[in-house]
Amino acid sequence: MKTLEELGRIDGALVAFEYAPDGKLVEYRANSEIGSEGAALAAQFCATVTMLFSTLAGAFTRLSDSAWIPQHGWMYCGGDYTVCIGGNRGVFIETAKADFNQLYKALVSEKGREPMRMAA
C-alpha cells in the first residue's frame, strides 16, 4: 500500500488520509484548502460508510452464498469528485483526473488480487 505522501501525489488528489475504525482522523496530506476540520469530517464519513458496507457484505455473503468478505475497499463518484477507500486509507480526487486502475492498485491491490480493468 502506498504512503499518504504517495497517495497525495496522484494526479487530481485533493486529500489523502488515514482513519481509525471509529472514524477518528489519524493523519492526512492535503493539496487543497480542506484543513484539519474538513479532513476529520471526511474520515468520519468514510469510516461510517465502510462500516455500513462491511455489514452489508456480511449479510450478502450469507444470503447469496458468494464471497463478499472481507471487504477490501469501495468508491463513490458524485458531482465532480470521487472518494476511493482501501482499508483505513482514502483519497478524495477530481473525477475528471482520476485513474481508477491506479487508485485501486494504490489502495486495494495485493498479491493475487489484481485490479479489474475499468474503461475510461
PDB file of N, CA and C in Angstrom:
ATOM      1  N   MET A   1       0.849  -1.178   0.000  1.00  0.00           N
ATOM      2  CA  MET A   1       0.000   0.000   0.000  1.00  0.00           C
ATOM      3  C   MET A   1       0.893   1.239   0.000  1.00  0.00           C
ATOM      4  N   LYS A   2       0.463   2.233  -0.710  1.00  0.00           N
ATOM      5  CA  LYS A   2       1.208   3.482  -0.825  1.00  0.00           C
ATOM      6  C   LYS A   2       1.129   4.301   0.470  1.00  0.00           C
ATOM      7  N   THR A   3       2.129   5.162   0.668  1.00  0.00           N
ATOM      8  CA  THR A   3       2.120   6.083   1.805  1.00  0.00           C
ATOM      9  C   THR A   3       1.144   7.222   1.511  1.00  0.00           C
ATOM     10  N   LEU A   4       0.790   7.981   2.533  1.00  0.00           N
ATOM     11  CA  LEU A   4      -0.082   9.137   2.318  1.00  0.00           C
ATOM     12  C   LEU A   4       0.557  10.146   1.385  1.00  0.00           C
ATOM     13  N   GLU A   5       1.872  10.314   1.479  1.00  0.00           N
ATOM     14  CA  GLU A   5       2.571  11.242   0.593  1.00  0.00           C
ATOM     15  C   GLU A   5       2.423  10.793  -0.860  1.00  0.00           C
ATOM     16  N   GLU A   6       2.585   9.483  -1.101  1.00  0.00           N
ATOM     17  CA  GLU A   6       2.447   8.952  -2.455  1.00  0.00           C
ATOM     18  C   GLU A   6       1.009   9.071  -2.946  1.00  0.00           C
ATOM     19  N   LEU A   7       0.052   8.784  -2.081  1.00  0.00           N
ATOM     20  CA  LEU A   7      -1.360   8.916  -2.463  1.00  0.00           C
ATOM     21  C   LEU A   7      -1.698  10.368  -2.792  1.00  0.00           C
ATOM     22  N   GLY A   8      -1.148  11.289  -2.021  1.00  0.00           N
ATOM     23  CA  GLY A   8      -1.408  12.706  -2.246  1.00  0.00           C
ATOM     24  C   GLY A   8      -0.808  13.236  -3.532  1.00  0.00           C
ATOM     25  N   ARG A   9       0.179  12.540  -4.085  1.00  0.00           N
ATOM     26  CA  ARG A   9       0.810  12.964  -5.338  1.00  0.00           C
ATOM     27  C   ARG A   9       0.095  12.430  -6.575  1.00  0.00           C
ATOM     28  N   ILE A  10      -0.938  11.618  -6.391  1.00  0.00           N
ATOM     29  CA  ILE A  10      -1.704  11.126  -7.539  1.00  0.00           C
ATOM     30  C   ILE A  10      -2.395  12.314  -8.190  1.00  0.00           C
ATOM     31  N   ASP A  11      -2.325  12.373  -9.518  1.00  0.00           N
ATOM     32  CA  ASP A  11      -2.904  13.490 -10.257  1.00  0.00           C
ATOM     33  C   ASP A  11      -4.373  13.679  -9.904  1.00  0.00           C
ATOM     34  N   GLY A  12      -4.730  14.882  -9.488  1.00  0.00           N
ATOM     35  CA  GLY A  12      -6.105  15.221  -9.150  1.00  0.00           C
ATOM     36  C   GLY A  12      -6.475  15.015  -7.692  1.00  0.00           C
ATOM     37  N   ALA A  13      -5.568  14.417  -6.900  1.00  0.00           N
ATOM     38  CA  ALA A  13      -5.867  14.166  -5.486  1.00  0.00           C
ATOM     39  C   ALA A  13      -6.000  15.481  -4.728  1.00  0.00           C
ATOM     40  N   LEU A  14      -7.073  15.600  -3.959  1.00  0.00           N
ATOM     41  CA  LEU A  14      -7.294  16.775  -3.123  1.00  0.00           C
ATOM     42  C   LEU A  14      -6.797  16.534  -1.707  1.00  0.00           C
ATOM     43  N   VAL A  15      -7.041  15.326  -1.216  1.00  0.00           N
ATOM     44  CA  VAL A  15      -6.603  14.964   0.135  1.00  0.00           C
ATOM     45  C   VAL A  15      -6.447  13.449   0.204  1.00  0.00           C
ATOM     46  N   ALA A  16      -5.398  13.023   0.878  1.00  0.00           N
ATOM     47  CA  ALA A  16      -5.188  11.607   1.197  1.00  0.00           C
ATOM     48  C   ALA A  16      -5.190  11.525   2.716  1.00  0.00           C
ATOM     49  N   PHE A  17      -5.837  10.486   3.263  1.00  0.00           N
ATOM     50  CA  PHE A  17      -5.988  10.442   4.709  1.00  0.00           C
ATOM     51  C   PHE A  17      -6.057   9.014   5.211  1.00  0.00           C
ATOM     52  N   GLU A  18      -5.826   8.886   6.507  1.00  0.00           N
ATOM     53  CA  GLU A  18      -5.950   7.608   7.201  1.00  0.00           C
ATOM     54  C   GLU A  18      -6.837   7.838   8.408  1.00  0.00           C
ATOM     55  N   TYR A  19      -7.676   6.844   8.719  1.00  0.00           N
ATOM     56  CA  TYR A  19      -8.599   6.987   9.836  1.00  0.00           C
ATOM     57  C   TYR A  19      -8.663   5.705  10.646  1.00  0.00           C
ATOM     58  N   ALA A  20      -9.043   5.842  11.902  1.00  0.00           N
ATOM     59  CA  ALA A  20      -9.248   4.703  12.796  1.00  0.00           C
ATOM     60  C   ALA A  20     -10.645   4.134  12.547  1.00  0.00           C
ATOM     61  N   PRO A  21     -10.901   2.880  12.955  1.00  0.00           N
ATOM     62  CA  PRO A  21     -12.227   2.286  12.751  1.00  0.00           C
ATOM     63  C   PRO A  21     -13.376   3.114  13.334  1.00  0.00           C
ATOM     64  N   ASP A  22     -13.114   3.883  14.390  1.00  0.00           N
ATOM     65  CA  ASP A  22     -14.171   4.709  14.976  1.00  0.00           C
ATOM     66  C   ASP A  22     -14.353   6.045  14.247  1.00  0.00           C
ATOM     67  N   GLY A  23     -13.577   6.267  13.180  1.00  0.00           N
ATOM     68  CA  GLY A  23     -13.717   7.479  12.381  1.00  0.00           C
ATOM     69  C   GLY A  23     -12.780   8.604  12.748  1.00  0.00           C
ATOM     70  N   LYS A  24     -11.957   8.420  13.771  1.00  0.00           N
ATOM     71  CA  LYS A  24     -11.020   9.467  14.156  1.00  0.00           C
ATOM     72  C   LYS A  24      -9.928   9.597  13.096  1.00  0.00           C
ATOM     73  N   LEU A  25      -9.656  10.825  12.696  1.00  0.00           N
ATOM     74  CA  LEU A  25      -8.601  11.105  11.728  1.00  0.00           C
ATOM     75  C   LEU A  25      -7.250  10.783  12.345  1.00  0.00           C
ATOM     76  N   VAL A  26      -6.470   9.958  11.671  1.00  0.00           N
ATOM     77  CA  VAL A  26      -5.138   9.596  12.150  1.00  0.00           C
ATOM     78  C   VAL A  26      -4.100  10.545  11.565  1.00  0.00           C
ATOM     79  N   GLU A  27      -4.202  10.759  10.257  1.00  0.00           N
ATOM     80  CA  GLU A  27      -3.218  11.593   9.559  1.00  0.00           C
ATOM     81  C   GLU A  27      -3.788  11.970   8.197  1.00  0.00           C
ATOM     82  N   TYR A  28      -3.323  13.093   7.645  1.00  0.00           N
ATOM     83  CA  TYR A  28      -3.758  13.460   6.296  1.00  0.00           C
ATOM     84  C   TYR A  28      -2.713  14.319   5.608  1.00  0.00           C
ATOM     85  N   ARG A  29      -2.796  14.328   4.269  1.00  0.00           N
ATOM     86  CA  ARG A  29      -1.985  15.190   3.424  1.00  0.00           C
ATOM     87  C   ARG A  29      -2.945  15.847   2.441  1.00  0.00           C
ATOM     88  N   ALA A  30      -2.936  17.173   2.391  1.00  0.00           N
ATOM     89  CA  ALA A  30      -3.888  17.884   1.538  1.00  0.00           C
ATOM     90  C   ALA A  30      -3.185  18.678   0.445  1.00  0.00           C
ATOM     91  N   ASN A  31      -3.808  18.684  -0.724  1.00  0.00           N
ATOM     92  CA  ASN A  31      -3.375  19.509  -1.847  1.00  0.00           C
ATOM     93  C   ASN A  31      -4.429  20.581  -2.114  1.00  0.00           C
ATOM     94  N   SER A  32      -5.228  20.836  -1.115  1.00  0.00           N
ATOM     95  CA  SER A  32      -6.306  21.817  -1.219  1.00  0.00           C
ATOM     96  C   SER A  32      -6.416  22.511   0.131  1.00  0.00           C
ATOM     97  N   GLU A  33      -7.384  23.366   0.244  1.00  0.00           N
ATOM     98  CA  GLU A  33      -7.570  24.092   1.496  1.00  0.00           C
ATOM     99  C   GLU A  33      -8.576  23.396   2.401  1.00  0.00           C
ATOM    100  N   ILE A  34      -8.582  22.083   2.386  1.00  0.00           N
ATOM    101  CA  ILE A  34      -9.552  21.311   3.173  1.00  0.00           C
ATOM    102  C   ILE A  34      -9.358  21.527   4.671  1.00  0.00           C
ATOM    103  N   GLY A  35      -8.145  21.620   5.146  1.00  0.00           N
ATOM    104  CA  GLY A  35      -7.874  21.835   6.562  1.00  0.00           C
ATOM    105  C   GLY A  35      -8.148  20.605   7.411  1.00  0.00           C
ATOM    106  N   SER A  36      -7.723  20.663   8.650  1.00  0.00           N
ATOM    107  CA  SER A  36      -7.859  19.509   9.543  1.00  0.00           C
ATOM    108  C   SER A  36      -9.317  19.206   9.879  1.00  0.00           C
ATOM    109  N   GLU A  37     -10.143  20.230   9.983  1.00  0.00           N
ATOM    110  CA  GLU A  37     -11.562  20.009  10.284  1.00  0.00           C
ATOM    111  C   GLU A  37     -12.259  19.283   9.133  1.00  0.00           C
ATOM    112  N   GLY A  38     -11.974  19.686   7.902  1.00  0.00           N
ATOM    113  CA  GLY A  38     -12.547  19.024   6.736  1.00  0.00           C
ATOM    114  C   GLY A  38     -12.040  17.600   6.588  1.00  0.00           C
ATOM    115  N   ALA A  39     -10.763  17.394   6.849  1.00  0.00           N
ATOM    116  CA  ALA A  39     -10.197  16.046   6.768  1.00  0.00           C
ATOM    117  C   ALA A  39     -10.798  15.147   7.848  1.00  0.00           C
ATOM    118  N   ALA A  40     -11.020  15.688   9.035  1.00  0.00           N
ATOM    119  CA  ALA A  40     -11.640  14.910  10.119  1.00  0.00           C
ATOM    120  C   ALA A  40     -13.071  14.523   9.757  1.00  0.00           C
ATOM    121  N   LEU A  41     -13.808  15.433   9.123  1.00  0.00           N
ATOM    122  CA  LEU A  41     -15.174  15.141   8.689  1.00  0.00           C
ATOM    123  C   LEU A  41     -15.161  14.055   7.609  1.00  0.00           C
ATOM    124  N   ALA A  42     -14.221  14.146   6.672  1.00  0.00           N
ATOM    125  CA  ALA A  42     -14.096  13.119   5.623  1.00  0.00           C
ATOM    126  C   ALA A  42     -13.787  11.763   6.240  1.00  0.00           C
ATOM    127  N   ALA A  43     -12.911  11.732   7.224  1.00  0.00           N
ATOM    128  CA  ALA A  43     -12.560  10.479   7.894  1.00  0.00           C
ATOM    129  C   ALA A  43     -13.778   9.866   8.581  1.00  0.00           C
ATOM    130  N   GLN A  44     -14.554  10.674   9.273  1.00  0.00           N
ATOM    131  CA  GLN A  44     -15.761  10.189   9.957  1.00  0.00           C
ATOM    132  C   GLN A  44     -16.762   9.639   8.949  1.00  0.00           C
ATOM    133  N   PHE A  45     -16.975  10.368   7.873  1.00  0.00           N
ATOM    134  CA  PHE A  45     -17.877   9.937   6.813  1.00  0.00           C
ATOM    135  C   PHE A  45     -17.434   8.589   6.247  1.00  0.00           C
ATOM    136  N   CYS A  46     -16.162   8.463   5.913  1.00  0.00           N
ATOM    137  CA  CYS A  46     -15.653   7.249   5.279  1.00  0.00           C
ATOM    138  C   CYS A  46     -15.671   6.055   6.231  1.00  0.00           C
ATOM    139  N   ALA A  47     -15.391   6.267   7.497  1.00  0.00           N
ATOM    140  CA  ALA A  47     -15.465   5.174   8.473  1.00  0.00           C
ATOM    141  C   ALA A  47     -16.904   4.670   8.597  1.00  0.00           C
ATOM    142  N   THR A  48     -17.862   5.581   8.581  1.00  0.00           N
ATOM    143  CA  THR A  48     -19.271   5.202   8.679  1.00  0.00           C
ATOM    144  C   THR A  48     -19.702   4.389   7.465  1.00  0.00           C
ATOM    145  N   VAL A  49     -19.345   4.847   6.271  1.00  0.00           N
ATOM    146  CA  VAL A  49     -19.710   4.133   5.048  1.00  0.00           C
ATOM    147  C   VAL A  49     -19.009   2.776   5.002  1.00  0.00           C
ATOM    148  N   THR A  50     -17.752   2.722   5.419  1.00  0.00           N
ATOM    149  CA  THR A  50     -17.015   1.453   5.455  1.00  0.00           C
ATOM    150  C   THR A  50     -17.710   0.457   6.379  1.00  0.00           C
ATOM    151  N   MET A  51     -18.152   0.917   7.535  1.00  0.00           N
ATOM    152  CA  MET A  51     -18.860   0.051   8.475  1.00  0.00           C
ATOM    153  C   MET A  51     -20.165  -0.460   7.854  1.00  0.00           C
ATOM    154  N   LEU A  52     -20.885   0.416   7.181  1.00  0.00           N
ATOM    155  CA  LEU A  52     -22.131   0.018   6.522  1.00  0.00           C
ATOM    156  C   LEU A  52     -21.854  -1.050   5.462  1.00  0.00           C
ATOM    157  N   PHE A  53     -20.846  -0.825   4.613  1.00  0.00           N
ATOM    158  CA  PHE A  53     -20.519  -1.810   3.580  1.00  0.00           C
ATOM    159  C   PHE A  53     -20.066  -3.132   4.187  1.00  0.00           C
ATOM    160  N   SER A  54     -19.350  -3.102   5.280  1.00  0.00           N
ATOM    161  CA  SER A  54     -18.937  -4.350   5.936  1.00  0.00           C
ATOM    162  C   SER A  54     -20.146  -5.133   6.428  1.00  0.00           C
ATOM    163  N   THR A  55     -21.104  -4.437   6.997  1.00  0.00           N
ATOM    164  CA  THR A  55     -22.339  -5.080   7.454  1.00  0.00           C
ATOM    165  C   THR A  55     -23.102  -5.676   6.278  1.00  0.00           C
ATOM    166  N   LEU A  56     -23.257  -4.904   5.216  1.00  0.00           N
ATOM    167  CA  LEU A  56     -23.965  -5.388   4.037  1.00  0.00           C
ATOM    168  C   LEU A  56     -23.231  -6.565   3.387  1.00  0.00           C
ATOM    169  N   ALA A  57     -21.915  -6.500   3.335  1.00  0.00           N
ATOM    170  CA  ALA A  57     -21.131  -7.589   2.734  1.00  0.00           C
ATOM    171  C   ALA A  57     -21.311  -8.885   3.506  1.00  0.00           C
ATOM    172  N   GLY A  58     -21.321  -8.806   4.827  1.00  0.00           N
ATOM    173  CA  GLY A  58     -21.539  -9.998   5.645  1.00  0.00           C
ATOM    174  C   GLY A  58     -22.909 -10.598   5.401  1.00  0.00           C
ATOM    175  N   ALA A  59     -23.911  -9.739   5.345  1.00  0.00           N
ATOM    176  CA  ALA A  59     -25.279 -10.212   5.114  1.00  0.00           C
ATOM    177  C   ALA A  59     -25.417 -10.791   3.708  1.00  0.00           C
ATOM    178  N   PHE A  60     -24.858 -10.117   2.725  1.00  0.00           N
ATOM    179  CA  PHE A  60     -24.983 -10.597   1.355  1.00  0.00           C
ATOM    180  C   PHE A  60     -24.212 -11.895   1.145  1.00  0.00           C
ATOM    181  N   THR A  61     -23.106 -12.068   1.845  1.00  0.00           N
ATOM    182  CA  THR A  61     -22.355 -13.320   1.768  1.00  0.00           C
ATOM    183  C   THR A  61     -23.227 -14.485   2.231  1.00  0.00           C
ATOM    184  N   ARG A  62     -23.916 -14.282   3.353  1.00  0.00           N
ATOM    185  CA  ARG A  62     -24.801 -15.334   3.873  1.00  0.00           C
ATOM    186  C   ARG A  62     -25.991 -15.585   2.946  1.00  0.00           C
ATOM    187  N   LEU A  63     -26.579 -14.516   2.421  1.00  0.00           N
ATOM    188  CA  LEU A  63     -27.764 -14.662   1.571  1.00  0.00           C
ATOM    189  C   LEU A  63     -27.453 -15.238   0.195  1.00  0.00           C
ATOM    190  N   SER A  64     -26.322 -14.874  -0.364  1.00  0.00           N
ATOM    191  CA  SER A  64     -26.020 -15.255  -1.745  1.00  0.00           C
ATOM    192  C   SER A  64     -25.110 -16.465  -1.862  1.00  0.00           C
ATOM    193  N   ASP A  65     -24.523 -16.898  -0.750  1.00  0.00           N
ATOM    194  CA  ASP A  65     -23.555 -17.992  -0.767  1.00  0.00           C
ATOM    195  C   ASP A  65     -22.370 -17.649  -1.675  1.00  0.00           C
ATOM    196  N   SER A  66     -22.041 -16.353  -1.755  1.00  0.00           N
ATOM    197  CA  SER A  66     -20.892 -15.846  -2.508  1.00  0.00           C
ATOM    198  C   SER A  66     -19.957 -15.146  -1.542  1.00  0.00           C
ATOM    199  N   ALA A  67     -18.688 -15.075  -1.902  1.00  0.00           N
ATOM    200  CA  ALA A  67     -17.684 -14.462  -1.026  1.00  0.00           C
ATOM    201  C   ALA A  67     -17.609 -12.941  -1.233  1.00  0.00           C
ATOM    202  N   TRP A  68     -18.185 -12.197  -0.298  1.00  0.00           N
ATOM    203  CA  TRP A  68     -18.137 -10.731  -0.326  1.00  0.00           C
ATOM    204  C   TRP A  68     -17.294 -10.174   0.816  1.00  0.00           C
ATOM    205  N   ILE A  69     -16.786 -11.038   1.662  1.00  0.00           N
ATOM    206  CA  ILE A  69     -15.942 -10.608   2.778  1.00  0.00           C
ATOM    207  C   ILE A  69     -14.620 -11.352   2.717  1.00  0.00           C
ATOM    208  N   PRO A  70     -13.558 -10.762   3.174  1.00  0.00           N
ATOM    209  CA  PRO A  70     -13.505  -9.447   3.824  1.00  0.00           C
ATOM    210  C   PRO A  70     -13.591  -8.312   2.797  1.00  0.00           C
ATOM    211  N   GLN A  71     -14.059  -7.184   3.251  1.00  0.00           N
ATOM    212  CA  GLN A  71     -14.139  -6.000   2.411  1.00  0.00           C
ATOM    213  C   GLN A  71     -12.721  -5.498   2.141  1.00  0.00           C
ATOM    214  N   HIS A  72     -12.470  -5.089   0.912  1.00  0.00           N
ATOM    215  CA  HIS A  72     -11.152  -4.568   0.554  1.00  0.00           C
ATOM    216  C   HIS A  72     -11.178  -3.070   0.293  1.00  0.00           C
ATOM    217  N   GLY A  73     -12.297  -2.570  -0.193  1.00  0.00           N
ATOM    218  CA  GLY A  73     -12.370  -1.147  -0.486  1.00  0.00           C
ATOM    219  C   GLY A  73     -13.682  -0.791  -1.154  1.00  0.00           C
ATOM    220  N   TRP A  74     -13.869   0.501  -1.346  1.00  0.00           N
ATOM    221  CA  TRP A  74     -15.061   0.997  -2.013  1.00  0.00           C
ATOM    222  C   TRP A  74     -14.772   2.348  -2.643  1.00  0.00           C
ATOM    223  N   MET A  75     -15.701   2.790  -3.513  1.00  0.00           N
ATOM    224  CA  MET A  75     -15.515   4.037  -4.233  1.00  0.00           C
ATOM    225  C   MET A  75     -16.886   4.676  -4.446  1.00  0.00           C
ATOM    226  N   TYR A  76     -16.932   5.991  -4.377  1.00  0.00           N
ATOM    227  CA  TYR A  76     -18.151   6.729  -4.665  1.00  0.00           C
ATOM    228  C   TYR A  76     -17.796   7.917  -5.550  1.00  0.00           C
ATOM    229  N   CYS A  77     -18.560   8.097  -6.635  1.00  0.00           N
ATOM    230  CA  CYS A  77     -18.388   9.245  -7.519  1.00  0.00           C
ATOM    231  C   CYS A  77     -19.674  10.051  -7.490  1.00  0.00           C
ATOM    232  N   GLY A  78     -19.546  11.355  -7.340  1.00  0.00           N
ATOM    233  CA  GLY A  78     -20.707  12.237  -7.370  1.00  0.00           C
ATOM    234  C   GLY A  78     -20.266  13.644  -7.707  1.00  0.00           C
ATOM    235  N   GLY A  79     -21.046  14.327  -8.517  1.00  0.00           N
ATOM    236  CA  GLY A  79     -20.660  15.675  -8.934  1.00  0.00           C
ATOM    237  C   GLY A  79     -19.320  15.620  -9.656  1.00  0.00           C
ATOM    238  N   ASP A  80     -18.380  16.419  -9.212  1.00  0.00           N
ATOM    239  CA  ASP A  80     -17.056  16.483  -9.844  1.00  0.00           C
ATOM    240  C   ASP A  80     -15.998  15.680  -9.106  1.00  0.00           C
ATOM    241  N   TYR A  81     -16.387  14.956  -8.057  1.00  0.00           N
ATOM    242  CA  TYR A  81     -15.389  14.323  -7.190  1.00  0.00           C
ATOM    243  C   TYR A  81     -15.661  12.848  -6.949  1.00  0.00           C
ATOM    244  N   THR A  82     -14.606  12.155  -6.570  1.00  0.00           N
ATOM    245  CA  THR A  82     -14.665  10.733  -6.239  1.00  0.00           C
ATOM    246  C   THR A  82     -13.906  10.517  -4.944  1.00  0.00           C
ATOM    247  N   VAL A  83     -14.410   9.611  -4.113  1.00  0.00           N
ATOM    248  CA  VAL A  83     -13.664   9.173  -2.938  1.00  0.00           C
ATOM    249  C   VAL A  83     -13.372   7.689  -3.143  1.00  0.00           C
ATOM    250  N   CYS A  84     -12.124   7.315  -2.929  1.00  0.00           N
ATOM    251  CA  CYS A  84     -11.682   5.927  -3.058  1.00  0.00           C
ATOM    252  C   CYS A  84     -11.103   5.496  -1.724  1.00  0.00           C
ATOM    253  N   ILE A  85     -11.576   4.359  -1.209  1.00  0.00           N
ATOM    254  CA  ILE A  85     -11.154   3.864   0.094  1.00  0.00           C
ATOM    255  C   ILE A  85     -10.586   2.466  -0.058  1.00  0.00           C
ATOM    256  N   GLY A  86      -9.476   2.223   0.605  1.00  0.00           N
ATOM    257  CA  GLY A  86      -8.891   0.889   0.697  1.00  0.00           C
ATOM    258  C   GLY A  86      -8.453   0.682   2.132  1.00  0.00           C
ATOM    259  N   GLY A  87      -9.074  -0.270   2.824  1.00  0.00           N
ATOM    260  CA  GLY A  87      -8.752  -0.465   4.241  1.00  0.00           C
ATOM    261  C   GLY A  87      -9.153   0.764   5.028  1.00  0.00           C
ATOM    262  N   ASN A  88      -8.188   1.386   5.703  1.00  0.00           N
ATOM    263  CA  ASN A  88      -8.467   2.581   6.502  1.00  0.00           C
ATOM    264  C   ASN A  88      -7.804   3.827   5.919  1.00  0.00           C
ATOM    265  N   ARG A  89      -7.559   3.808   4.616  1.00  0.00           N
ATOM    266  CA  ARG A  89      -6.975   4.967   3.937  1.00  0.00           C
ATOM    267  C   ARG A  89      -7.853   5.361   2.769  1.00  0.00           C
ATOM    268  N   GLY A  90      -7.790   6.640   2.423  1.00  0.00           N
ATOM    269  CA  GLY A  90      -8.608   7.093   1.315  1.00  0.00           C
ATOM    270  C   GLY A  90      -8.027   8.291   0.606  1.00  0.00           C
ATOM    271  N   VAL A  91      -8.604   8.565  -0.546  1.00  0.00           N
ATOM    272  CA  VAL A  91      -8.225   9.714  -1.372  1.00  0.00           C
ATOM    273  C   VAL A  91      -9.505  10.352  -1.890  1.00  0.00           C
ATOM    274  N   PHE A  92      -9.622  11.655  -1.740  1.00  0.00           N
ATOM    275  CA  PHE A  92     -10.642  12.427  -2.425  1.00  0.00           C
ATOM    276  C   PHE A  92      -9.949  13.008  -3.647  1.00  0.00           C
ATOM    277  N   ILE A  93     -10.564  12.840  -4.825  1.00  0.00           N
ATOM    278  CA  ILE A  93      -9.894  13.182  -6.077  1.00  0.00           C
ATOM    279  C   ILE A  93     -10.883  13.798  -7.063  1.00  0.00           C
ATOM    280  N   GLU A  94     -10.387  14.627  -7.965  1.00  0.00           N
ATOM    281  CA  GLU A  94     -11.217  15.167  -9.036  1.00  0.00           C
ATOM    282  C   GLU A  94     -11.510  14.019  -9.997  1.00  0.00           C
ATOM    283  N   THR A  95     -12.776  13.734 -10.245  1.00  0.00           N
ATOM    284  CA  THR A  95     -13.158  12.601 -11.077  1.00  0.00           C
ATOM    285  C   THR A  95     -12.561  12.690 -12.470  1.00  0.00           C
ATOM    286  N   ALA A  96     -12.537  13.877 -13.056  1.00  0.00           N
ATOM    287  CA  ALA A  96     -12.018  14.038 -14.415  1.00  0.00           C
ATOM    288  C   ALA A  96     -10.549  13.635 -14.527  1.00  0.00           C
ATOM    289  N   LYS A  97      -9.816  13.703 -13.430  1.00  0.00           N
ATOM    290  CA  LYS A  97      -8.387  13.358 -13.450  1.00  0.00           C
ATOM    291  C   LYS A  97      -8.103  11.971 -12.881  1.00  0.00           C
ATOM    292  N   ALA A  98      -9.124  11.305 -12.380  1.00  0.00           N
ATOM    293  CA  ALA A  98      -8.927  10.034 -11.688  1.00  0.00           C
ATOM    294  C   ALA A  98      -8.587   8.904 -12.651  1.00  0.00           C
ATOM    295  N   ASP A  99      -7.563   8.151 -12.310  1.00  0.00           N
ATOM    296  CA  ASP A  99      -7.211   6.908 -12.994  1.00  0.00           C
ATOM    297  C   ASP A  99      -7.614   5.802 -12.022  1.00  0.00           C
ATOM    298  N   PHE A 100      -8.775   5.202 -12.239  1.00  0.00           N
ATOM    299  CA  PHE A 100      -9.338   4.259 -11.282  1.00  0.00           C
ATOM    300  C   PHE A 100      -8.496   3.000 -11.124  1.00  0.00           C
ATOM    301  N   ASN A 101      -7.840   2.565 -12.181  1.00  0.00           N
ATOM    302  CA  ASN A 101      -6.945   1.416 -12.050  1.00  0.00           C
ATOM    303  C   ASN A 101      -5.764   1.759 -11.151  1.00  0.00           C
ATOM    304  N   GLN A 102      -5.210   2.951 -11.301  1.00  0.00           N
ATOM    305  CA  GLN A 102      -4.105   3.396 -10.457  1.00  0.00           C
ATOM    306  C   GLN A 102      -4.554   3.507  -9.001  1.00  0.00           C
ATOM    307  N   LEU A 103      -5.735   4.051  -8.768  1.00  0.00           N
ATOM    308  CA  LEU A 103      -6.253   4.190  -7.413  1.00  0.00           C
ATOM    309  C   LEU A 103      -6.475   2.833  -6.759  1.00  0.00           C
ATOM    310  N   TYR A 104      -7.051   1.902  -7.514  1.00  0.00           N
ATOM    311  CA  TYR A 104      -7.266   0.557  -6.980  1.00  0.00           C
ATOM    312  C   TYR A 104      -5.930  -0.068  -6.598  1.00  0.00           C
ATOM    313  N   LYS A 105      -4.979   0.044  -7.489  1.00  0.00           N
ATOM    314  CA  LYS A 105      -3.667  -0.550  -7.229  1.00  0.00           C
ATOM    315  C   LYS A 105      -3.011   0.093  -6.008  1.00  0.00           C
ATOM    316  N   ALA A 106      -3.159   1.391  -5.860  1.00  0.00           N
ATOM    317  CA  ALA A 106      -2.533   2.116  -4.744  1.00  0.00           C
ATOM    318  C   ALA A 106      -3.207   1.836  -3.409  1.00  0.00           C
ATOM    319  N   LEU A 107      -4.515   1.605  -3.409  1.00  0.00           N
ATOM    320  CA  LEU A 107      -5.263   1.476  -2.163  1.00  0.00           C
ATOM    321  C   LEU A 107      -5.674   0.053  -1.802  1.00  0.00           C
ATOM    322  N   VAL A 108      -5.887  -0.803  -2.787  1.00  0.00           N
ATOM    323  CA  VAL A 108      -6.510  -2.084  -2.512  1.00  0.00           C
ATOM    324  C   VAL A 108      -5.674  -3.279  -2.959  1.00  0.00           C
ATOM    325  N   SER A 109      -5.082  -3.185  -4.110  1.00  0.00           N
ATOM    326  CA  SER A 109      -4.432  -4.333  -4.725  1.00  0.00           C
ATOM    327  C   SER A 109      -3.349  -4.934  -3.846  1.00  0.00           C
ATOM    328  N   GLU A 110      -3.392  -6.240  -3.752  1.00  0.00           N
ATOM    329  CA  GLU A 110      -2.374  -7.006  -3.042  1.00  0.00           C
ATOM    330  C   GLU A 110      -1.986  -8.164  -3.945  1.00  0.00           C
ATOM    331  N   LYS A 111      -0.934  -8.846  -3.589  1.00  0.00           N
ATOM    332  CA  LYS A 111      -0.502 -10.002  -4.367  1.00  0.00           C
ATOM    333  C   LYS A 111      -1.674 -10.961  -4.521  1.00  0.00           C
ATOM    334  N   GLY A 112      -1.960 -11.352  -5.756  1.00  0.00           N
ATOM    335  CA  GLY A 112      -3.040 -12.286  -6.003  1.00  0.00           C
ATOM    336  C   GLY A 112      -4.396 -11.640  -6.193  1.00  0.00           C
ATOM    337  N   ARG A 113      -4.502 -10.323  -5.996  1.00  0.00           N
ATOM    338  CA  ARG A 113      -5.791  -9.646  -6.167  1.00  0.00           C
ATOM    339  C   ARG A 113      -5.550  -8.493  -7.142  1.00  0.00           C
ATOM    340  N   GLU A 114      -5.611  -8.787  -8.407  1.00  0.00           N
ATOM    341  CA  GLU A 114      -5.321  -7.797  -9.433  1.00  0.00           C
ATOM    342  C   GLU A 114      -6.532  -6.895  -9.676  1.00  0.00           C
ATOM    343  N   PRO A 115      -6.285  -5.666 -10.106  1.00  0.00           N
ATOM    344  CA  PRO A 115      -7.399  -4.754 -10.342  1.00  0.00           C
ATOM    345  C   PRO A 115      -8.251  -5.185 -11.532  1.00  0.00           C
ATOM    346  N   MET A 116      -9.534  -4.930 -11.414  1.00  0.00           N
ATOM    347  CA  MET A 116     -10.456  -5.125 -12.516  1.00  0.00           C
ATOM    348  C   MET A 116     -10.254  -3.935 -13.446  1.00  0.00           C
ATOM    349  N   ARG A 117     -10.072  -4.158 -14.703  1.00  0.00           N
ATOM    350  CA  ARG A 117      -9.846  -3.069 -15.659  1.00  0.00           C
ATOM    351  C   ARG A 117     -11.143  -2.315 -15.904  1.00  0.00           C
ATOM    352  N   MET A 118     -11.068  -1.005 -15.722  1.00  0.00           N
ATOM    353  CA  MET A 118     -12.255  -0.166 -15.914  1.00  0.00           C
ATOM    354  C   MET A 118     -12.050   0.709 -17.130  1.00  0.00           C
ATOM    355  N   ALA A 119     -13.031   0.783 -17.991  1.00  0.00           N
ATOM    356  CA  ALA A 119     -12.951   1.625 -19.187  1.00  0.00           C
ATOM    357  C   ALA A 119     -12.990   3.078 -18.789  1.00  0.00           C
ATOM    358  N   ALA A 120     -12.306   3.891 -19.551  1.00  0.00           N
ATOM    359  CA  ALA A 120     -12.274   5.333 -19.279  1.00  0.00           C
ATOM    360  C   ALA A 120     -13.510   6.015 -19.786  1.00  0.00           C
TER     361      ALA A 120
END
